[in-house]
N, C-alpha and C. Protein backbone atom coordinates (compact mmCIF):
# COMPACT_ATOMS: atom_id res chain seq x y z
N MET A 1 116.56 114.29 85.81
CA MET A 1 117.70 113.25 86.57
C MET A 1 117.62 113.47 88.06
N GLU A 2 117.35 114.60 88.60
CA GLU A 2 117.11 114.82 89.91
C GLU A 2 115.94 113.91 90.46
N SER A 3 114.86 113.85 89.41
CA SER A 3 113.71 113.09 89.90
C SER A 3 114.00 111.48 89.98
N LYS A 4 114.90 111.34 89.10
CA LYS A 4 115.27 109.61 89.32
C LYS A 4 116.25 109.47 90.44
N ARG A 5 116.97 110.23 90.70
CA ARG A 5 117.71 110.16 92.06
C ARG A 5 116.78 110.20 93.30
N LEU A 6 115.84 110.99 93.33
CA LEU A 6 114.94 110.98 94.38
C LEU A 6 114.02 109.79 94.55
N LEU A 7 113.78 109.37 93.25
CA LEU A 7 113.25 108.18 93.25
C LEU A 7 113.91 106.99 93.78
N TRP A 8 115.28 107.02 93.51
CA TRP A 8 116.06 105.99 94.12
C TRP A 8 116.26 105.86 95.54
N LEU A 9 116.33 107.22 95.93
CA LEU A 9 116.61 107.54 97.46
C LEU A 9 115.36 107.05 98.08
N THR A 10 114.38 107.06 97.60
CA THR A 10 112.92 106.80 98.29
C THR A 10 112.71 105.27 98.17
N LEU A 11 112.76 104.91 97.04
CA LEU A 11 112.31 103.40 96.77
C LEU A 11 113.34 102.44 97.23
N VAL A 12 114.42 102.53 97.26
CA VAL A 12 115.49 101.06 97.35
C VAL A 12 115.29 100.94 99.12
N PRO A 13 115.34 102.29 99.83
CA PRO A 13 115.09 101.99 101.33
C PRO A 13 113.66 101.62 101.79
N LEU A 14 112.76 101.93 101.08
CA LEU A 14 111.47 101.46 101.31
C LEU A 14 111.17 100.24 100.80
N PHE A 15 112.00 99.60 99.90
CA PHE A 15 111.90 98.11 99.63
C PHE A 15 112.80 97.34 100.51
N THR A 16 113.80 97.78 101.03
CA THR A 16 114.49 97.23 102.12
C THR A 16 113.85 96.96 103.20
N ALA A 17 113.01 98.06 103.77
CA ALA A 17 112.13 98.03 104.94
C ALA A 17 111.01 97.14 104.76
N LEU A 18 110.51 96.97 103.48
CA LEU A 18 109.28 95.98 103.36
C LEU A 18 110.02 94.66 103.41
N ILE A 19 111.09 94.24 102.72
CA ILE A 19 111.55 92.89 103.07
C ILE A 19 111.96 92.56 104.61
N THR A 20 112.24 93.71 105.30
CA THR A 20 112.77 93.42 106.68
C THR A 20 111.35 93.20 107.26
N VAL A 21 110.55 93.91 107.00
CA VAL A 21 109.16 93.58 107.51
C VAL A 21 108.52 92.18 107.37
N GLY A 22 108.70 91.50 105.97
CA GLY A 22 108.39 90.30 105.51
C GLY A 22 108.99 89.52 106.40
N ALA A 23 110.28 89.70 106.93
CA ALA A 23 110.86 88.43 107.79
C ALA A 23 110.48 88.39 109.02
N TYR A 24 109.38 89.35 109.44
CA TYR A 24 108.99 89.19 110.90
C TYR A 24 107.19 89.00 110.56
N ILE A 25 106.98 88.71 109.49
CA ILE A 25 105.52 88.20 109.16
C ILE A 25 105.92 86.66 108.71
N ARG A 26 105.75 85.68 109.62
CA ARG A 26 106.17 84.31 109.72
C ARG A 26 105.14 83.15 110.08
N ILE A 27 105.11 82.09 109.80
CA ILE A 27 104.41 81.18 110.10
C ILE A 27 105.55 79.89 110.25
N PRO A 28 105.86 79.78 111.66
CA PRO A 28 106.74 78.50 112.10
C PRO A 28 106.70 77.29 111.52
N THR A 29 107.69 76.64 111.02
CA THR A 29 107.76 75.41 110.34
C THR A 29 108.90 74.88 110.77
N PRO A 30 109.33 73.27 111.14
CA PRO A 30 110.82 73.10 111.17
C PRO A 30 111.75 73.27 110.23
N PHE A 31 112.78 73.88 110.82
CA PHE A 31 114.02 74.32 110.24
C PHE A 31 113.80 75.85 109.31
N ILE A 32 112.85 75.91 108.50
CA ILE A 32 112.73 77.29 108.09
C ILE A 32 111.36 77.65 107.86
N PRO A 33 111.02 78.75 108.34
CA PRO A 33 110.02 79.42 108.70
C PRO A 33 109.49 79.93 107.26
N ILE A 34 108.12 80.05 107.16
CA ILE A 34 107.54 80.51 106.09
C ILE A 34 107.55 81.99 106.27
N THR A 35 107.99 83.03 105.33
CA THR A 35 107.95 84.32 105.70
C THR A 35 107.37 84.72 104.56
N PHE A 36 107.15 86.45 104.66
CA PHE A 36 106.70 87.38 103.41
C PHE A 36 107.95 87.81 102.72
N GLN A 37 109.28 87.49 103.06
CA GLN A 37 110.43 88.03 102.38
C GLN A 37 110.39 87.65 100.91
N VAL A 38 110.23 86.55 100.52
CA VAL A 38 110.14 86.24 99.04
C VAL A 38 108.95 87.30 98.47
N PHE A 39 107.99 87.29 98.82
CA PHE A 39 106.97 88.07 98.09
C PHE A 39 107.36 89.42 98.15
N PHE A 40 108.17 89.84 98.99
CA PHE A 40 108.90 91.47 98.79
C PHE A 40 109.77 91.69 98.01
N VAL A 41 110.78 90.49 98.03
CA VAL A 41 111.68 90.68 96.99
C VAL A 41 111.19 90.21 95.67
N ILE A 42 110.33 89.56 95.49
CA ILE A 42 109.75 89.64 93.92
C ILE A 42 109.11 90.83 93.44
N LEU A 43 108.28 91.30 94.45
CA LEU A 43 107.64 92.65 94.13
C LEU A 43 108.65 93.65 93.91
N THR A 44 109.70 93.60 94.95
CA THR A 44 110.84 94.67 94.40
C THR A 44 111.57 94.40 93.04
N GLY A 45 111.78 93.26 92.54
CA GLY A 45 112.21 93.06 91.14
C GLY A 45 111.17 93.42 90.13
N LEU A 46 109.82 92.95 90.40
CA LEU A 46 108.83 93.67 89.20
C LEU A 46 108.39 94.91 89.27
N LEU A 47 108.82 95.46 90.39
CA LEU A 47 108.43 97.17 90.45
C LEU A 47 109.81 98.02 90.22
N LEU A 48 110.65 97.71 90.54
CA LEU A 48 111.93 98.34 90.57
C LEU A 48 112.94 98.26 89.36
N GLY A 49 112.79 96.94 89.04
CA GLY A 49 114.10 96.61 87.82
C GLY A 49 115.07 96.06 88.46
N PRO A 50 116.06 95.74 87.71
CA PRO A 50 117.20 94.95 88.20
C PRO A 50 118.16 95.80 89.03
N LYS A 51 118.36 96.91 88.70
CA LYS A 51 119.41 97.57 89.60
C LYS A 51 118.90 97.95 90.70
N MET A 52 117.70 98.58 90.96
CA MET A 52 117.11 99.13 92.12
C MET A 52 116.90 97.91 93.27
N ALA A 53 116.39 96.78 92.54
CA ALA A 53 116.06 95.88 93.32
C ALA A 53 117.50 94.91 93.90
N VAL A 54 118.25 94.88 93.36
CA VAL A 54 119.56 94.36 93.62
C VAL A 54 119.93 95.23 94.79
N TYR A 55 120.20 96.56 94.50
CA TYR A 55 120.27 97.21 95.57
C TYR A 55 119.64 97.41 97.00
N SER A 56 118.22 97.19 96.87
CA SER A 56 117.40 96.98 98.10
C SER A 56 117.84 96.04 98.63
N THR A 57 117.91 94.57 97.87
CA THR A 57 118.05 93.24 98.75
C THR A 57 119.66 93.48 99.30
N LEU A 58 120.49 93.96 98.85
CA LEU A 58 121.98 94.10 99.00
C LEU A 58 121.90 94.76 100.20
N VAL A 59 121.26 95.87 100.35
CA VAL A 59 121.25 96.71 101.62
C VAL A 59 120.57 96.07 102.75
N TYR A 60 119.57 95.16 102.47
CA TYR A 60 119.16 94.36 103.45
C TYR A 60 119.95 93.29 103.98
N LEU A 61 120.67 92.63 103.11
CA LEU A 61 121.75 91.32 103.23
C LEU A 61 122.74 92.35 104.29
N LEU A 62 123.27 93.54 103.84
CA LEU A 62 124.47 94.07 104.66
C LEU A 62 124.17 94.58 105.85
N LEU A 63 122.80 95.35 105.89
CA LEU A 63 122.39 95.71 107.39
C LEU A 63 122.38 94.38 108.23
N GLY A 64 121.66 93.45 107.93
CA GLY A 64 121.88 92.09 108.87
C GLY A 64 123.10 91.66 109.12
N LEU A 65 124.04 91.60 108.11
CA LEU A 65 125.24 90.99 108.63
C LEU A 65 126.19 92.00 109.74
N PHE A 66 125.77 93.59 109.40
CA PHE A 66 126.48 94.38 110.37
C PHE A 66 125.49 94.29 111.84
N GLY A 67 124.74 93.53 112.02
CA GLY A 67 124.01 93.34 113.36
C GLY A 67 122.84 93.86 113.49
N ILE A 68 122.45 94.56 112.46
CA ILE A 68 120.96 95.13 112.79
C ILE A 68 120.01 93.83 112.53
N PRO A 69 119.06 93.88 113.49
CA PRO A 69 118.13 92.53 113.56
C PRO A 69 117.06 92.60 112.27
N VAL A 70 117.45 92.38 111.05
CA VAL A 70 116.51 92.23 110.14
C VAL A 70 116.25 91.08 109.42
N PHE A 71 117.12 90.08 109.83
CA PHE A 71 116.86 88.68 109.64
C PHE A 71 115.83 87.97 110.26
N THR A 72 115.15 86.85 109.90
CA THR A 72 113.93 86.33 110.71
C THR A 72 114.45 85.86 112.22
N GLU A 73 115.86 85.65 112.42
CA GLU A 73 116.24 85.29 113.48
C GLU A 73 117.24 86.40 113.99
N GLY A 74 117.22 87.75 113.77
CA GLY A 74 118.38 88.31 114.15
C GLY A 74 119.07 89.22 113.02
N GLY A 75 120.44 89.19 113.39
CA GLY A 75 121.41 89.69 112.28
C GLY A 75 122.97 89.61 113.06
N GLY A 76 123.69 89.88 112.32
CA GLY A 76 125.20 89.80 112.73
C GLY A 76 126.25 88.61 111.70
N PHE A 77 127.30 88.88 111.87
CA PHE A 77 128.07 88.15 110.85
C PHE A 77 128.00 86.59 111.09
N SER A 78 127.53 86.32 112.18
CA SER A 78 127.56 84.88 112.59
C SER A 78 126.28 84.13 112.00
N TYR A 79 125.49 84.97 111.39
CA TYR A 79 124.28 84.58 110.50
C TYR A 79 124.52 83.65 109.47
N ILE A 80 125.93 83.86 108.74
CA ILE A 80 126.28 83.00 107.85
C ILE A 80 126.25 81.62 107.95
N PHE A 81 126.35 81.20 109.21
CA PHE A 81 126.35 79.99 109.59
C PHE A 81 125.17 79.31 109.83
N LYS A 82 124.21 79.91 109.79
CA LYS A 82 122.67 79.69 109.67
C LYS A 82 122.38 78.79 108.45
N PRO A 83 121.67 77.76 108.46
CA PRO A 83 121.45 77.02 107.25
C PRO A 83 120.27 78.10 106.27
N THR A 84 119.70 78.82 106.75
CA THR A 84 118.91 79.46 105.91
C THR A 84 119.55 80.93 105.39
N PHE A 85 120.74 81.11 105.70
CA PHE A 85 121.30 82.29 104.81
C PHE A 85 121.56 82.12 103.53
N GLY A 86 121.34 81.18 102.94
CA GLY A 86 121.73 81.10 101.42
C GLY A 86 120.29 81.66 100.70
N TYR A 87 119.20 81.37 101.57
CA TYR A 87 117.89 82.30 100.84
C TYR A 87 118.16 83.78 100.75
N ILE A 88 119.06 84.16 101.86
CA ILE A 88 119.00 85.72 101.91
C ILE A 88 120.08 86.06 100.88
N ILE A 89 121.04 85.21 100.51
CA ILE A 89 121.98 85.54 99.30
C ILE A 89 121.18 85.17 98.06
N GLY A 90 120.34 84.39 97.91
CA GLY A 90 119.27 84.14 96.80
C GLY A 90 118.43 85.44 96.46
N PHE A 91 118.08 86.26 97.59
CA PHE A 91 117.08 87.46 97.39
C PHE A 91 117.77 88.34 96.55
N VAL A 92 119.12 88.39 96.64
CA VAL A 92 119.87 89.34 95.78
C VAL A 92 119.93 89.11 94.26
N PHE A 93 120.14 87.77 94.13
CA PHE A 93 120.22 87.26 92.76
C PHE A 93 118.77 86.92 91.97
N GLY A 94 117.92 86.54 93.04
CA GLY A 94 116.59 86.54 92.52
C GLY A 94 115.63 87.94 92.36
N SER A 95 116.29 88.78 92.90
CA SER A 95 115.45 90.14 92.72
C SER A 95 116.14 90.45 91.46
N PHE A 96 117.37 90.21 90.99
CA PHE A 96 118.06 90.50 89.89
C PHE A 96 117.08 89.97 88.68
N VAL A 97 116.96 88.51 88.85
CA VAL A 97 116.49 87.97 87.78
C VAL A 97 115.00 88.17 87.48
N THR A 98 114.22 88.39 88.47
CA THR A 98 112.86 88.65 88.34
C THR A 98 112.82 90.30 87.72
N GLY A 99 113.84 91.19 88.07
CA GLY A 99 113.66 92.49 87.72
C GLY A 99 113.97 92.46 86.04
N THR A 100 115.24 91.91 85.84
CA THR A 100 115.96 91.63 84.31
C THR A 100 114.75 91.35 83.69
N LEU A 101 114.17 90.02 84.02
CA LEU A 101 113.07 89.50 83.27
C LEU A 101 111.92 90.18 83.04
N SER A 102 111.45 91.14 83.82
CA SER A 102 109.94 91.70 83.72
C SER A 102 110.56 93.26 83.23
N PHE A 103 111.83 93.76 82.99
CA PHE A 103 111.94 94.97 82.51
C PHE A 103 112.60 94.68 81.34
N ARG A 104 112.10 95.37 80.14
CA ARG A 104 112.49 95.29 78.52
C ARG A 104 112.59 96.62 78.56
N LYS A 105 113.72 97.05 77.85
CA LYS A 105 113.85 98.60 77.16
C LYS A 105 112.77 98.87 76.33
N ASN A 106 112.29 98.39 75.44
CA ASN A 106 111.64 98.79 74.70
C ASN A 106 109.93 98.58 74.84
N ASP A 107 109.59 97.93 76.12
CA ASP A 107 108.45 97.74 76.56
C ASP A 107 107.87 98.93 77.52
N LYS A 108 106.81 99.32 77.34
CA LYS A 108 106.37 100.51 78.35
C LYS A 108 106.28 99.66 79.63
N TYR A 109 105.42 98.73 79.62
CA TYR A 109 104.82 98.15 80.76
C TYR A 109 105.11 96.37 80.57
N PRO A 110 105.48 95.51 81.25
CA PRO A 110 105.67 94.08 81.20
C PRO A 110 104.14 93.41 81.18
N SER A 111 103.77 92.57 80.38
CA SER A 111 102.68 91.83 80.03
C SER A 111 102.78 91.03 81.53
N PHE A 112 101.45 90.31 81.74
CA PHE A 112 101.08 89.62 83.01
C PHE A 112 102.03 88.28 82.72
N LYS A 113 101.99 87.66 81.67
CA LYS A 113 102.69 86.45 81.39
C LYS A 113 104.03 86.71 81.60
N ARG A 114 104.70 87.78 81.09
CA ARG A 114 106.11 87.92 81.44
C ARG A 114 106.56 88.07 82.85
N MET A 115 105.47 88.72 83.55
CA MET A 115 105.73 89.05 85.14
C MET A 115 105.57 87.64 85.77
N VAL A 116 104.76 86.64 85.28
CA VAL A 116 104.64 85.40 86.00
C VAL A 116 105.73 84.68 85.75
N MET A 117 106.31 84.77 84.30
CA MET A 117 107.64 83.91 84.26
C MET A 117 108.87 84.55 85.13
N ALA A 118 108.89 85.76 85.15
CA ALA A 118 110.01 86.46 85.53
C ALA A 118 109.93 86.24 87.28
N PHE A 119 108.98 86.21 87.84
CA PHE A 119 108.51 85.93 89.21
C PHE A 119 108.81 84.32 89.57
N LEU A 120 108.19 83.40 88.58
CA LEU A 120 108.67 81.79 88.71
C LEU A 120 110.10 81.73 88.77
N LEU A 121 111.00 82.25 87.90
CA LEU A 121 112.18 82.20 87.75
C LEU A 121 113.36 82.59 88.85
N GLY A 122 112.81 84.01 89.57
CA GLY A 122 113.40 84.66 90.25
C GLY A 122 112.86 83.69 91.49
N VAL A 123 111.92 83.12 91.82
CA VAL A 123 111.76 82.30 92.98
C VAL A 123 112.64 81.12 92.97
N LEU A 124 112.86 80.61 91.81
CA LEU A 124 113.73 79.37 91.70
C LEU A 124 115.16 79.50 91.84
N THR A 125 115.41 80.84 91.57
CA THR A 125 116.92 81.50 91.56
C THR A 125 117.02 81.34 93.20
N ILE A 126 116.18 81.99 94.02
CA ILE A 126 116.35 82.25 95.56
C ILE A 126 116.18 80.81 96.03
N TYR A 127 115.53 79.87 95.90
CA TYR A 127 115.40 78.45 96.20
C TYR A 127 116.74 77.65 95.73
N LEU A 128 117.07 77.79 94.62
CA LEU A 128 118.52 77.25 94.14
C LEU A 128 119.56 77.79 95.41
N PHE A 129 120.04 78.98 95.40
CA PHE A 129 120.80 79.51 96.40
C PHE A 129 120.58 78.69 97.87
N GLY A 130 119.30 78.94 98.18
CA GLY A 130 118.84 78.70 99.58
C GLY A 130 118.88 76.99 99.97
N VAL A 131 118.52 76.36 98.91
CA VAL A 131 118.57 74.76 99.43
C VAL A 131 120.04 74.60 99.28
N THR A 132 120.93 74.68 98.08
CA THR A 132 122.22 74.31 98.42
C THR A 132 122.93 74.84 99.42
N TYR A 133 122.73 76.00 99.98
CA TYR A 133 123.40 76.57 101.08
C TYR A 133 123.06 75.85 102.23
N PHE A 134 121.58 75.35 102.37
CA PHE A 134 120.95 74.99 103.44
C PHE A 134 121.82 73.47 103.47
N LEU A 135 122.10 72.89 102.46
CA LEU A 135 122.65 71.40 102.54
C LEU A 135 124.00 71.50 102.57
N PHE A 136 124.67 72.54 102.26
CA PHE A 136 126.27 72.84 102.73
C PHE A 136 126.39 72.78 103.95
N VAL A 137 125.68 73.74 104.70
CA VAL A 137 125.81 74.30 106.33
C VAL A 137 125.31 73.31 107.27
N ALA A 138 124.18 72.62 106.69
CA ALA A 138 123.72 71.18 107.57
C ALA A 138 124.71 70.28 107.62
N LYS A 139 125.17 70.07 106.47
CA LYS A 139 126.35 68.80 106.72
C LYS A 139 127.66 68.91 106.78
N ALA A 140 128.07 69.96 106.03
CA ALA A 140 129.67 70.23 106.30
C ALA A 140 129.74 71.17 107.59
N VAL A 141 128.96 72.02 108.01
CA VAL A 141 129.25 73.10 109.06
C VAL A 141 128.48 72.52 110.48
N LEU A 142 127.27 72.34 110.39
CA LEU A 142 126.48 71.89 111.60
C LEU A 142 126.68 70.48 112.05
N ASN A 143 127.00 69.82 111.08
CA ASN A 143 127.12 68.18 111.05
C ASN A 143 125.75 67.76 111.51
N LEU A 144 124.61 68.15 111.13
CA LEU A 144 123.32 67.97 111.25
C LEU A 144 122.97 66.44 110.61
N PRO A 145 122.30 65.60 111.19
CA PRO A 145 122.02 64.18 110.55
C PRO A 145 120.68 64.39 109.77
N LEU A 146 120.71 65.11 108.77
CA LEU A 146 119.63 65.46 107.74
C LEU A 146 119.93 64.66 106.36
N THR A 147 119.15 63.99 105.87
CA THR A 147 119.45 63.54 104.42
C THR A 147 119.15 64.61 103.31
N VAL A 148 119.49 64.38 102.29
CA VAL A 148 119.19 65.14 101.10
C VAL A 148 117.74 65.57 100.89
N SER A 149 116.84 64.28 101.00
CA SER A 149 115.79 64.13 100.91
C SER A 149 114.80 65.07 101.85
N ALA A 150 115.23 65.27 103.19
CA ALA A 150 114.56 65.90 104.38
C ALA A 150 115.11 67.28 103.93
N ILE A 151 116.12 67.73 103.51
CA ILE A 151 116.28 69.15 103.03
C ILE A 151 115.55 69.38 102.23
N LEU A 152 115.50 68.66 101.00
CA LEU A 152 114.37 69.11 99.94
C LEU A 152 113.24 69.46 100.48
N THR A 153 112.74 68.30 101.37
CA THR A 153 111.40 68.66 101.97
C THR A 153 111.25 69.76 102.55
N TYR A 154 112.25 70.18 103.63
CA TYR A 154 111.88 71.40 104.58
C TYR A 154 112.51 72.53 103.93
N GLY A 155 113.60 72.44 102.83
CA GLY A 155 114.06 73.78 102.49
C GLY A 155 113.27 74.08 100.91
N PHE A 156 112.26 73.28 100.68
CA PHE A 156 111.75 73.47 99.13
C PHE A 156 110.27 73.38 99.44
N LEU A 157 109.99 72.10 99.67
CA LEU A 157 108.45 71.30 99.27
C LEU A 157 107.59 71.81 100.28
N MET A 158 108.10 72.14 101.54
CA MET A 158 106.97 72.43 102.55
C MET A 158 106.72 74.15 102.44
N VAL A 159 107.69 74.87 101.81
CA VAL A 159 107.62 76.44 101.74
C VAL A 159 107.29 76.92 100.33
N ILE A 160 107.48 76.29 99.38
CA ILE A 160 107.40 76.72 97.86
C ILE A 160 105.83 77.04 97.60
N PRO A 161 104.86 76.10 98.15
CA PRO A 161 103.50 76.80 97.90
C PRO A 161 102.94 77.95 98.69
N GLY A 162 103.54 78.34 99.70
CA GLY A 162 103.36 79.78 100.02
C GLY A 162 103.77 80.90 99.41
N ASP A 163 105.29 80.75 98.63
CA ASP A 163 105.80 81.74 98.05
C ASP A 163 105.14 81.74 96.54
N LEU A 164 104.58 80.61 96.31
CA LEU A 164 103.80 80.63 94.67
C LEU A 164 102.47 81.38 94.70
N ILE A 165 101.97 81.14 95.78
CA ILE A 165 100.76 81.77 95.99
C ILE A 165 101.00 83.58 96.24
N THR A 166 102.04 83.78 97.05
CA THR A 166 102.35 85.31 97.26
C THR A 166 102.91 85.91 96.15
N GLY A 167 103.48 84.91 95.16
CA GLY A 167 104.20 85.48 93.96
C GLY A 167 102.98 85.93 92.92
N VAL A 168 102.13 85.23 92.96
CA VAL A 168 100.92 85.47 92.16
C VAL A 168 100.29 86.82 92.70
N ILE A 169 100.03 87.00 93.87
CA ILE A 169 99.68 88.23 94.27
C ILE A 169 100.63 89.50 94.03
N ALA A 170 101.90 89.10 94.33
CA ALA A 170 102.87 90.30 93.82
C ALA A 170 102.77 90.66 92.55
N VAL A 171 102.73 89.63 91.42
CA VAL A 171 102.47 90.01 89.84
C VAL A 171 101.27 90.90 89.94
N LEU A 172 100.07 90.44 90.34
CA LEU A 172 98.91 91.16 90.44
C LEU A 172 99.01 92.70 90.76
N ILE A 173 99.77 92.70 91.97
CA ILE A 173 99.95 94.32 92.70
C ILE A 173 100.89 95.07 91.69
N ALA A 174 101.90 94.36 91.25
CA ALA A 174 102.75 94.94 90.26
C ALA A 174 102.41 95.44 89.07
N LYS A 175 101.25 94.52 88.45
CA LYS A 175 100.64 94.97 87.07
C LYS A 175 99.56 96.26 87.47
N ARG A 176 99.35 96.59 88.76
CA ARG A 176 98.42 97.61 88.91
C ARG A 176 99.65 98.78 89.19
N LEU A 177 100.50 98.61 89.88
CA LEU A 177 101.46 99.80 90.41
C LEU A 177 102.33 100.12 89.49
N ASN A 178 102.77 99.33 88.32
CA ASN A 178 103.72 99.81 87.38
C ASN A 178 103.19 100.93 86.70
N PRO A 179 102.09 101.06 86.23
CA PRO A 179 101.78 102.44 85.25
C PRO A 179 101.83 103.76 86.54
N ILE A 180 101.76 103.49 87.78
CA ILE A 180 101.67 104.62 88.71
C ILE A 180 102.97 105.29 89.05
N LEU A 181 103.98 104.22 89.36
CA LEU A 181 105.21 104.44 89.66
C LEU A 181 106.15 105.16 88.41
N LYS A 182 106.00 104.61 87.27
CA LYS A 182 106.59 104.92 86.00
C LYS A 182 108.00 105.22 86.03
N ILE A 183 108.51 103.72 86.79
CA ILE A 183 110.17 103.64 86.60
C ILE A 183 110.63 103.54 85.32
N ARG A 184 110.06 102.90 84.52
CA ARG A 184 110.28 102.65 83.14
C ARG A 184 110.68 103.59 82.39
């Protein structure tokens, strides 16, 4: 029991820090920069399971809202008015989906196929929240003259290829690290 607590106290902040680092590894594009946050969020779900993954991403979200500059463009409560904040909300749910689908009680370690499916559905969850929020904030709050087509182009089509590539890399890393970490 004590070793499980130590594992939690070590891995949750570690993966929160990795997601933060991922925010600063970025390729600028119009409206939504390509970052490595999704890579680390997916890796968090694949390695830590749903509960610890949600805690890691939730701590990340709360740190940013409390003003610690962990988000791509800083932090603070006003960040909720940024069109990209929906992706950050999506991190919590995407890590949960990825962790839930890759962790099964009776299996020692997930198969490659199951981890790929978990990562794909986790990424889709992130984008569902991200694009929906982007659309709402761009139109209702910021009154930006963007069409739904433009929002889908900038908020999904331009950035999804990078997340799909890094997601496969996350699956390959998780396949190697799961037996070492022995969280299951």
